[in-house]
Amino acid sequence: MCMRKIEFYVSPDGKVKVDEEGIPFTKEYAEGDKELTEYVARLIKNQYPEAYNALALEYRASMPNKPFFQFLIVHRFIRCNFGKFDGLTYDIEGDVLHIEDVACPLKWRNDCPLRGVVCKPKPFGLTSRETEVAKLSSSGRAYDEISEELGISHSTIKNTIQKIKEKLHLSSSKDITKLMIATL
């Protein structure tokens, strides 16, 4: 698993800045940042598929140029969800996105049709049962306790946790906890 720690913020002139742990300078996020774009696009697609799909539809005219298409999706997602330079929590820590409550970057649009889909998106594509298991696991409950509370076997809980990790491309139960905390 990649243990990157990245903070994004939007400057007063609307430019997205990137501050990554281990890199001694802050840079402007640009179309040429292909590796960063692919990394963040993968996280968005895996954890917030509804937001990714809505942005893919929004920028579909750019789809033939895949790097630019992905850049547009990631740039907009950042502006809608990571606008603050807060210094408390990285926006991306490992493979977990920490969504922030930010002012709409499209102030000129009174009612953004992507509100609640792209900004403050609903997490991932887990089933209601998987979400329930993830929440209980994230609250510190052991598999036996979750099993008893939900009336399903210990092995079913263990398998469900494994499915969640696979769906979200996470490597540990701790990452599930981080993700659940970030999205509640």
C-alpha atoms as a PDB file:
ATOM      1  CA  MET A   1       0.000   0.000   0.000  1.00  0.00           C
ATOM      2  CA  CYS A   2       1.127   3.502  -0.756  1.00  0.00           C
ATOM      3  CA  MET A   3       1.466   5.597   2.420  1.00  0.00           C
ATOM      4  CA  ARG A   4       1.276   8.987   0.784  1.00  0.00           C
ATOM      5  CA  LYS A   5       0.103  11.977   2.782  1.00  0.00           C
ATOM      6  CA  ILE A   6      -1.190  14.820   0.657  1.00  0.00           C
ATOM      7  CA  GLU A   7      -2.816  18.156   1.498  1.00  0.00           C
ATOM      8  CA  PHE A   8      -4.636  20.109  -1.208  1.00  0.00           C
ATOM      9  CA  TYR A   9      -5.842  23.676  -0.934  1.00  0.00           C
ATOM     10  CA  VAL A  10      -7.275  26.246  -3.249  1.00  0.00           C
ATOM     11  CA  SER A  11      -5.560  29.618  -3.446  1.00  0.00           C
ATOM     12  CA  PRO A  12      -7.645  32.815  -3.508  1.00  0.00           C
ATOM     13  CA  ASP A  13      -7.188  32.956  -7.291  1.00  0.00           C
ATOM     14  CA  GLY A  14      -8.684  29.449  -7.652  1.00  0.00           C
ATOM     15  CA  LYS A  15      -5.495  27.482  -8.265  1.00  0.00           C
ATOM     16  CA  VAL A  16      -5.132  24.085  -6.616  1.00  0.00           C
ATOM     17  CA  LYS A  17      -1.962  23.694  -4.561  1.00  0.00           C
ATOM     18  CA  VAL A  18      -0.408  20.385  -3.481  1.00  0.00           C
ATOM     19  CA  ASP A  19       1.624  19.855  -0.343  1.00  0.00           C
ATOM     20  CA  GLU A  20       2.896  16.279  -0.025  1.00  0.00           C
ATOM     21  CA  GLU A  21       4.722  14.907   2.992  1.00  0.00           C
ATOM     22  CA  GLY A  22       8.363  14.276   2.142  1.00  0.00           C
ATOM     23  CA  ILE A  23       8.441  16.844  -0.671  1.00  0.00           C
ATOM     24  CA  PRO A  24      10.029  20.104   0.521  1.00  0.00           C
ATOM     25  CA  PHE A  25       7.929  22.480  -1.544  1.00  0.00           C
ATOM     26  CA  THR A  26       4.301  23.229  -2.339  1.00  0.00           C
ATOM     27  CA  LYS A  27       3.420  23.109  -5.999  1.00  0.00           C
ATOM     28  CA  GLU A  28       0.500  23.997  -8.186  1.00  0.00           C
ATOM     29  CA  TYR A  29      -1.490  20.972  -9.348  1.00  0.00           C
ATOM     30  CA  ALA A  30      -1.199  20.839 -13.114  1.00  0.00           C
ATOM     31  CA  GLU A  31      -2.209  18.676 -16.043  1.00  0.00           C
ATOM     32  CA  GLY A  32       1.362  17.362 -16.232  1.00  0.00           C
ATOM     33  CA  ASP A  33       1.072  15.682 -12.805  1.00  0.00           C
ATOM     34  CA  LYS A  34       0.014  12.399 -14.425  1.00  0.00           C
ATOM     35  CA  GLU A  35       1.116  10.046 -11.644  1.00  0.00           C
ATOM     36  CA  LEU A  36      -0.685  12.103  -8.973  1.00  0.00           C
ATOM     37  CA  THR A  37      -3.759  12.428 -11.213  1.00  0.00           C
ATOM     38  CA  GLU A  38      -3.946   8.667 -11.826  1.00  0.00           C
ATOM     39  CA  TYR A  39      -3.488   7.946  -8.105  1.00  0.00           C
ATOM     40  CA  VAL A  40      -6.225  10.347  -6.976  1.00  0.00           C
ATOM     41  CA  ALA A  41      -8.556   9.335  -9.836  1.00  0.00           C
ATOM     42  CA  ARG A  42      -8.247   5.694  -8.737  1.00  0.00           C
ATOM     43  CA  LEU A  43      -9.111   6.625  -5.133  1.00  0.00           C
ATOM     44  CA  ILE A  44     -12.130   8.671  -6.224  1.00  0.00           C
ATOM     45  CA  LYS A  45     -13.352   5.953  -8.585  1.00  0.00           C
ATOM     46  CA  ASN A  46     -13.004   3.245  -5.908  1.00  0.00           C
ATOM     47  CA  GLN A  47     -14.353   5.142  -2.904  1.00  0.00           C
ATOM     48  CA  TYR A  48     -16.823   7.559  -4.506  1.00  0.00           C
ATOM     49  CA  PRO A  49     -17.953   5.911  -7.752  1.00  0.00           C
ATOM     50  CA  GLU A  50     -21.108   8.028  -8.000  1.00  0.00           C
ATOM     51  CA  ALA A  51     -19.027  11.231  -7.855  1.00  0.00           C
ATOM     52  CA  TYR A  52     -16.505   9.864 -10.348  1.00  0.00           C
ATOM     53  CA  ASN A  53     -19.247   8.839 -12.779  1.00  0.00           C
ATOM     54  CA  ALA A  54     -21.010  12.206 -12.479  1.00  0.00           C
ATOM     55  CA  LEU A  55     -17.768  14.033 -13.234  1.00  0.00           C
ATOM     56  CA  ALA A  56     -16.963  11.637 -16.079  1.00  0.00           C
ATOM     57  CA  LEU A  57     -20.327  12.540 -17.593  1.00  0.00           C
ATOM     58  CA  GLU A  58     -19.683  16.247 -17.006  1.00  0.00           C
ATOM     59  CA  TYR A  59     -16.314  16.076 -18.804  1.00  0.00           C
ATOM     60  CA  ARG A  60     -17.183  13.385 -21.378  1.00  0.00           C
ATOM     61  CA  ALA A  61     -16.168  15.625 -24.290  1.00  0.00           C
ATOM     62  CA  SER A  62     -12.558  15.318 -23.074  1.00  0.00           C
ATOM     63  CA  MET A  63     -12.673  11.522 -22.788  1.00  0.00           C
ATOM     64  CA  PRO A  64     -10.576  10.852 -25.945  1.00  0.00           C
ATOM     65  CA  ASN A  65      -7.647  12.557 -24.183  1.00  0.00           C
ATOM     66  CA  LYS A  66      -7.564  10.287 -21.106  1.00  0.00           C
ATOM     67  CA  PRO A  67      -4.859  12.161 -19.120  1.00  0.00           C
ATOM     68  CA  PHE A  68      -6.697  15.487 -19.545  1.00  0.00           C
ATOM     69  CA  PHE A  69     -10.065  13.827 -18.852  1.00  0.00           C
ATOM     70  CA  GLN A  70      -8.747  12.389 -15.562  1.00  0.00           C
ATOM     71  CA  PHE A  71      -7.108  15.712 -14.683  1.00  0.00           C
ATOM     72  CA  LEU A  72     -10.443  17.533 -15.069  1.00  0.00           C
ATOM     73  CA  ILE A  73     -12.206  14.987 -12.841  1.00  0.00           C
ATOM     74  CA  VAL A  74      -9.548  15.119 -10.122  1.00  0.00           C
ATOM     75  CA  HIS A  75      -9.190  18.920 -10.267  1.00  0.00           C
ATOM     76  CA  ARG A  76     -12.936  19.449  -9.819  1.00  0.00           C
ATOM     77  CA  PHE A  77     -13.190  16.835  -7.050  1.00  0.00           C
ATOM     78  CA  ILE A  78     -10.328  18.535  -5.183  1.00  0.00           C
ATOM     79  CA  ARG A  79     -11.900  21.988  -5.531  1.00  0.00           C
ATOM     80  CA  CYS A  80     -15.247  20.694  -4.285  1.00  0.00           C
ATOM     81  CA  ASN A  81     -13.902  18.678  -1.339  1.00  0.00           C
ATOM     82  CA  PHE A  82     -10.407  19.766  -0.278  1.00  0.00           C
ATOM     83  CA  GLY A  83     -10.339  23.552  -0.430  1.00  0.00           C
ATOM     84  CA  LYS A  84      -8.963  24.309   3.027  1.00  0.00           C
ATOM     85  CA  PHE A  85      -5.353  24.268   4.156  1.00  0.00           C
ATOM     86  CA  ASP A  86      -6.175  23.047   7.631  1.00  0.00           C
ATOM     87  CA  GLY A  87      -2.992  21.301   8.729  1.00  0.00           C
ATOM     88  CA  LEU A  88      -4.988  19.002  11.040  1.00  0.00           C
ATOM     89  CA  THR A  89      -5.510  16.027   8.776  1.00  0.00           C
ATOM     90  CA  TYR A  90      -4.086  15.308   5.390  1.00  0.00           C
ATOM     91  CA  ASP A  91      -6.693  15.218   2.619  1.00  0.00           C
ATOM     92  CA  ILE A  92      -5.225  11.925   1.463  1.00  0.00           C
ATOM     93  CA  GLU A  93      -3.570   9.648   3.955  1.00  0.00           C
ATOM     94  CA  GLY A  94      -2.499   6.312   2.553  1.00  0.00           C
ATOM     95  CA  ASP A  95      -5.459   5.329   0.419  1.00  0.00           C
ATOM     96  CA  VAL A  96      -8.099   7.234   2.412  1.00  0.00           C
ATOM     97  CA  LEU A  97      -9.700  10.483   1.246  1.00  0.00           C
ATOM     98  CA  HIS A  98     -10.674  12.874   4.076  1.00  0.00           C
ATOM     99  CA  ILE A  99     -13.538  14.939   2.654  1.00  0.00           C
ATOM    100  CA  GLU A 100     -13.846  18.506   3.973  1.00  0.00           C
ATOM    101  CA  ASP A 101     -16.805  20.845   4.078  1.00  0.00           C
ATOM    102  CA  VAL A 102     -15.773  23.651   1.720  1.00  0.00           C
ATOM    103  CA  ALA A 103     -17.493  26.570   0.022  1.00  0.00           C
ATOM    104  CA  CYS A 104     -18.713  25.781  -3.473  1.00  0.00           C
ATOM    105  CA  PRO A 105     -16.044  26.690  -6.044  1.00  0.00           C
ATOM    106  CA  LEU A 106     -18.817  27.362  -8.561  1.00  0.00           C
ATOM    107  CA  LYS A 107     -20.339  30.307  -6.662  1.00  0.00           C
ATOM    108  CA  TRP A 108     -21.666  31.742  -9.895  1.00  0.00           C
ATOM    109  CA  ARG A 109     -24.046  28.762 -10.173  1.00  0.00           C
ATOM    110  CA  ASN A 110     -26.858  29.196  -7.695  1.00  0.00           C
ATOM    111  CA  ASP A 111     -27.838  25.550  -7.572  1.00  0.00           C
ATOM    112  CA  CYS A 112     -25.081  23.185  -8.622  1.00  0.00           C
ATOM    113  CA  PRO A 113     -26.677  19.987  -9.957  1.00  0.00           C
ATOM    114  CA  LEU A 114     -23.732  17.991  -8.572  1.00  0.00           C
ATOM    115  CA  ARG A 115     -24.208  19.136  -4.963  1.00  0.00           C
ATOM    116  CA  GLY A 116     -24.283  16.072  -2.721  1.00  0.00           C
ATOM    117  CA  VAL A 117     -22.914  13.927  -5.518  1.00  0.00           C
ATOM    118  CA  VAL A 118     -19.493  15.494  -6.117  1.00  0.00           C
ATOM    119  CA  CYS A 119     -19.227  17.798  -3.102  1.00  0.00           C
ATOM    120  CA  LYS A 120     -19.700  15.967   0.187  1.00  0.00           C
ATOM    121  CA  PRO A 121     -20.204  12.740  -1.802  1.00  0.00           C
ATOM    122  CA  LYS A 122     -21.729   9.581  -0.460  1.00  0.00           C
ATOM    123  CA  PRO A 123     -18.987   7.050   0.132  1.00  0.00           C
ATOM    124  CA  PHE A 124     -18.175   4.084  -2.060  1.00  0.00           C
ATOM    125  CA  GLY A 125     -20.434   1.418  -3.423  1.00  0.00           C
ATOM    126  CA  LEU A 126     -20.857  -0.784  -0.386  1.00  0.00           C
ATOM    127  CA  THR A 127     -24.071  -2.666   0.252  1.00  0.00           C
ATOM    128  CA  SER A 128     -26.098  -1.633   3.297  1.00  0.00           C
ATOM    129  CA  ARG A 129     -24.856  -4.755   5.146  1.00  0.00           C
ATOM    130  CA  GLU A 130     -21.223  -3.998   4.273  1.00  0.00           C
ATOM    131  CA  THR A 131     -21.673  -0.414   5.443  1.00  0.00           C
ATOM    132  CA  GLU A 132     -23.212  -1.626   8.700  1.00  0.00           C
ATOM    133  CA  VAL A 133     -20.334  -4.077   9.304  1.00  0.00           C
ATOM    134  CA  ALA A 134     -17.778  -1.374   8.437  1.00  0.00           C
ATOM    135  CA  LYS A 135     -19.361   1.081  10.883  1.00  0.00           C
ATOM    136  CA  LEU A 136     -19.483  -1.487  13.688  1.00  0.00           C
ATOM    137  CA  SER A 137     -15.902  -2.582  13.015  1.00  0.00           C
ATOM    138  CA  SER A 138     -14.798   1.059  12.933  1.00  0.00           C
ATOM    139  CA  SER A 139     -16.388   1.656  16.335  1.00  0.00           C
ATOM    140  CA  GLY A 140     -13.896  -0.810  17.804  1.00  0.00           C
ATOM    141  CA  ARG A 141     -16.142  -3.833  18.088  1.00  0.00           C
ATOM    142  CA  ALA A 142     -14.601  -7.276  17.722  1.00  0.00           C
ATOM    143  CA  TYR A 143     -15.848  -9.704  15.082  1.00  0.00           C
ATOM    144  CA  ASP A 144     -17.595 -11.768  17.783  1.00  0.00           C
ATOM    145  CA  GLU A 145     -19.483  -8.704  19.032  1.00  0.00           C
ATOM    146  CA  ILE A 146     -20.518  -7.708  15.506  1.00  0.00           C
ATOM    147  CA  SER A 147     -21.531 -11.298  14.789  1.00  0.00           C
ATOM    148  CA  GLU A 148     -23.733 -11.407  17.879  1.00  0.00           C
ATOM    149  CA  GLU A 149     -25.295  -7.990  17.247  1.00  0.00           C
ATOM    150  CA  LEU A 150     -26.152  -8.729  13.610  1.00  0.00           C
ATOM    151  CA  GLY A 151     -27.034 -12.378  14.103  1.00  0.00           C
ATOM    152  CA  ILE A 152     -24.572 -13.669  11.522  1.00  0.00           C
ATOM    153  CA  SER A 153     -21.537 -15.903  11.863  1.00  0.00           C
ATOM    154  CA  HIS A 154     -18.024 -14.813  12.781  1.00  0.00           C
ATOM    155  CA  SER A 155     -16.733 -16.101   9.437  1.00  0.00           C
ATOM    156  CA  THR A 156     -19.371 -14.052   7.583  1.00  0.00           C
ATOM    157  CA  ILE A 157     -18.118 -10.925   9.376  1.00  0.00           C
ATOM    158  CA  LYS A 158     -14.525 -11.806   8.502  1.00  0.00           C
ATOM    159  CA  ASN A 159     -15.474 -12.402   4.842  1.00  0.00           C
ATOM    160  CA  THR A 160     -17.455  -9.157   4.715  1.00  0.00           C
ATOM    161  CA  ILE A 161     -14.491  -7.183   6.032  1.00  0.00           C
ATOM    162  CA  GLN A 162     -12.314  -8.817   3.363  1.00  0.00           C
ATOM    163  CA  LYS A 163     -14.864  -7.906   0.645  1.00  0.00           C
ATOM    164  CA  ILE A 164     -14.910  -4.303   1.874  1.00  0.00           C
ATOM    165  CA  LYS A 165     -11.118  -4.096   1.688  1.00  0.00           C
ATOM    166  CA  GLU A 166     -11.148  -5.566  -1.826  1.00  0.00           C
ATOM    167  CA  LYS A 167     -13.952  -3.272  -3.058  1.00  0.00           C
ATOM    168  CA  LEU A 168     -12.264  -0.161  -1.719  1.00  0.00           C
ATOM    169  CA  HIS A 169      -8.734  -1.327  -2.538  1.00  0.00           C
ATOM    170  CA  LEU A 170      -7.656  -0.994   1.083  1.00  0.00           C
ATOM    171  CA  SER A 171      -5.050  -3.182   2.724  1.00  0.00           C
ATOM    172  CA  SER A 172      -6.124  -3.190   6.357  1.00  0.00           C
ATOM    173  CA  SER A 173      -9.068  -2.932   8.711  1.00  0.00           C
ATOM    174  CA  LYS A 174      -7.462   0.234  10.078  1.00  0.00           C
ATOM    175  CA  ASP A 175      -7.927   1.820   6.646  1.00  0.00           C
ATOM    176  CA  ILE A 176     -11.636   0.930   6.785  1.00  0.00           C
ATOM    177  CA  THR A 177     -11.833   2.689  10.148  1.00  0.00           C
ATOM    178  CA  LYS A 178     -10.044   5.772   8.769  1.00  0.00           C
ATOM    179  CA  LEU A 179     -12.379   5.860   5.783  1.00  0.00           C
ATOM    180  CA  MET A 180     -15.513   5.487   7.891  1.00  0.00           C
ATOM    181  CA  ILE A 181     -14.382   8.243  10.266  1.00  0.00           C
ATOM    182  CA  ALA A 182     -13.563  10.499   7.299  1.00  0.00           C
ATOM    183  CA  THR A 183     -17.003  10.031   5.746  1.00  0.00           C
ATOM    184  CA  LEU A 184     -19.290  10.210   8.797  1.00  0.00           C
END
